[in-house]
Amino acid sequence: MEPANTSDENGQDALGRALRGLRQRANITQEELGARVGIDSTYISRVEGGRINLRWGTLQRFLRALDATLADLAAEVERQR
């Protein structure tokens, strides 16, 4: 039997990889994204590594900073599979 939080961890990993992909497509560094979002670049690294579960408002700030939509994010999740 799988641990109860495995799907959540996989979701966090997928979200992190997708955000990294969007950031790289935008050709910006973690430091620049952090400045745009108003958070430290180490937080960006932890998000992209799947170690942080983002709140909805923070995800929205990420997407605005990346000039991306939820559809873009969903497409990137699919690309990363």
C-alpha atoms as a PDB file:
ATOM      1  CA  MET A   1       0.000   0.000   0.000  1.00  0.00           C
ATOM      2  CA  GLU A   2       1.300   3.492  -0.917  1.00  0.00           C
ATOM      3  CA  PRO A   3       1.817   6.163   1.731  1.00  0.00           C
ATOM      4  CA  ALA A   4      -1.101   8.588   1.913  1.00  0.00           C
ATOM      5  CA  ASN A   5       0.915  11.642   0.846  1.00  0.00           C
ATOM      6  CA  THR A   6       2.561  10.176  -2.258  1.00  0.00           C
ATOM      7  CA  SER A   7       0.106  11.747  -4.706  1.00  0.00           C
ATOM      8  CA  ASP A   8       0.505  15.136  -3.016  1.00  0.00           C
ATOM      9  CA  GLU A   9       4.289  14.900  -3.280  1.00  0.00           C
ATOM     10  CA  ASN A  10       4.024  13.905  -6.923  1.00  0.00           C
ATOM     11  CA  GLY A  11       1.688  16.853  -7.507  1.00  0.00           C
ATOM     12  CA  GLN A  12       4.150  19.213  -5.855  1.00  0.00           C
ATOM     13  CA  ASP A  13       6.966  17.766  -7.951  1.00  0.00           C
ATOM     14  CA  ALA A  14       4.953  18.150 -11.152  1.00  0.00           C
ATOM     15  CA  LEU A  15       4.012  21.718 -10.275  1.00  0.00           C
ATOM     16  CA  GLY A  16       7.615  22.566  -9.447  1.00  0.00           C
ATOM     17  CA  ARG A  17       8.930  21.098 -12.701  1.00  0.00           C
ATOM     18  CA  ALA A  18       6.248  22.931 -14.675  1.00  0.00           C
ATOM     19  CA  LEU A  19       7.042  26.267 -13.021  1.00  0.00           C
ATOM     20  CA  ARG A  20      10.742  25.703 -13.726  1.00  0.00           C
ATOM     21  CA  GLY A  21       9.887  24.988 -17.363  1.00  0.00           C
ATOM     22  CA  LEU A  22       7.827  28.173 -17.649  1.00  0.00           C
ATOM     23  CA  ARG A  23      10.618  30.184 -16.010  1.00  0.00           C
ATOM     24  CA  GLN A  24      13.221  28.748 -18.365  1.00  0.00           C
ATOM     25  CA  ARG A  25      10.983  29.397 -21.384  1.00  0.00           C
ATOM     26  CA  ALA A  26      10.701  33.007 -20.178  1.00  0.00           C
ATOM     27  CA  ASN A  27      14.508  33.027 -20.053  1.00  0.00           C
ATOM     28  CA  ILE A  28      14.732  34.431 -16.528  1.00  0.00           C
ATOM     29  CA  THR A  29      16.735  33.342 -13.504  1.00  0.00           C
ATOM     30  CA  GLN A  30      15.388  32.248 -10.156  1.00  0.00           C
ATOM     31  CA  GLU A  31      16.723  35.527  -8.753  1.00  0.00           C
ATOM     32  CA  GLU A  32      14.817  37.586 -11.321  1.00  0.00           C
ATOM     33  CA  LEU A  33      11.624  35.605 -10.764  1.00  0.00           C
ATOM     34  CA  GLY A  34      12.029  36.057  -7.022  1.00  0.00           C
ATOM     35  CA  ALA A  35      12.359  39.808  -7.489  1.00  0.00           C
ATOM     36  CA  ARG A  36       9.240  39.892  -9.678  1.00  0.00           C
ATOM     37  CA  VAL A  37       7.210  37.816  -7.217  1.00  0.00           C
ATOM     38  CA  GLY A  38       8.663  39.476  -4.134  1.00  0.00           C
ATOM     39  CA  ILE A  39      10.197  36.376  -2.574  1.00  0.00           C
ATOM     40  CA  ASP A  40      13.702  35.022  -2.077  1.00  0.00           C
ATOM     41  CA  SER A  41      15.315  32.949  -4.819  1.00  0.00           C
ATOM     42  CA  THR A  42      15.876  30.102  -2.337  1.00  0.00           C
ATOM     43  CA  TYR A  43      12.079  29.854  -2.034  1.00  0.00           C
ATOM     44  CA  ILE A  44      11.877  29.626  -5.840  1.00  0.00           C
ATOM     45  CA  SER A  45      14.409  26.791  -5.743  1.00  0.00           C
ATOM     46  CA  ARG A  46      12.378  24.935  -3.123  1.00  0.00           C
ATOM     47  CA  VAL A  47       9.164  25.392  -5.121  1.00  0.00           C
ATOM     48  CA  GLU A  48      10.804  24.155  -8.322  1.00  0.00           C
ATOM     49  CA  GLY A  49      12.228  21.200  -6.394  1.00  0.00           C
ATOM     50  CA  GLY A  50       8.754  20.179  -5.242  1.00  0.00           C
ATOM     51  CA  ARG A  51       9.518  20.856  -1.588  1.00  0.00           C
ATOM     52  CA  ILE A  52       6.885  23.567  -1.056  1.00  0.00           C
ATOM     53  CA  ASN A  53       3.136  23.355  -1.496  1.00  0.00           C
ATOM     54  CA  LEU A  54       2.132  26.734  -2.940  1.00  0.00           C
ATOM     55  CA  ARG A  55      -0.883  28.665  -1.818  1.00  0.00           C
ATOM     56  CA  TRP A  56      -3.282  29.804  -4.543  1.00  0.00           C
ATOM     57  CA  GLY A  57      -2.316  33.479  -4.217  1.00  0.00           C
ATOM     58  CA  THR A  58       1.389  32.672  -4.496  1.00  0.00           C
ATOM     59  CA  LEU A  59       0.793  30.548  -7.582  1.00  0.00           C
ATOM     60  CA  GLN A  60      -1.109  33.454  -9.146  1.00  0.00           C
ATOM     61  CA  ARG A  61       1.823  35.779  -8.418  1.00  0.00           C
ATOM     62  CA  PHE A  62       4.198  33.276 -10.055  1.00  0.00           C
ATOM     63  CA  LEU A  63       2.029  33.076 -13.163  1.00  0.00           C
ATOM     64  CA  ARG A  64       1.711  36.866 -13.454  1.00  0.00           C
ATOM     65  CA  ALA A  65       5.476  37.238 -13.068  1.00  0.00           C
ATOM     66  CA  LEU A  66       5.986  34.643 -15.803  1.00  0.00           C
ATOM     67  CA  ASP A  67       3.291  36.184 -18.024  1.00  0.00           C
ATOM     68  CA  ALA A  68       1.649  32.765 -18.083  1.00  0.00           C
ATOM     69  CA  THR A  69      -1.870  31.420 -17.644  1.00  0.00           C
ATOM     70  CA  LEU A  70      -3.241  28.363 -15.878  1.00  0.00           C
ATOM     71  CA  ALA A  71      -3.603  26.802 -19.331  1.00  0.00           C
ATOM     72  CA  ASP A  72       0.116  27.421 -19.938  1.00  0.00           C
ATOM     73  CA  LEU A  73       0.903  25.791 -16.600  1.00  0.00           C
ATOM     74  CA  ALA A  74      -1.303  22.778 -17.367  1.00  0.00           C
ATOM     75  CA  ALA A  75       0.339  22.375 -20.769  1.00  0.00           C
ATOM     76  CA  GLU A  76       3.779  22.524 -19.148  1.00  0.00           C
ATOM     77  CA  VAL A  77       2.777  19.860 -16.613  1.00  0.00           C
ATOM     78  CA  GLU A  78       1.806  17.630 -19.547  1.00  0.00           C
ATOM     79  CA  ARG A  79       5.096  18.361 -21.352  1.00  0.00           C
ATOM     80  CA  GLN A  80       7.049  17.394 -18.249  1.00  0.00           C
ATOM     81  CA  ARG A  81       5.416  13.923 -17.994  1.00  0.00           C
END
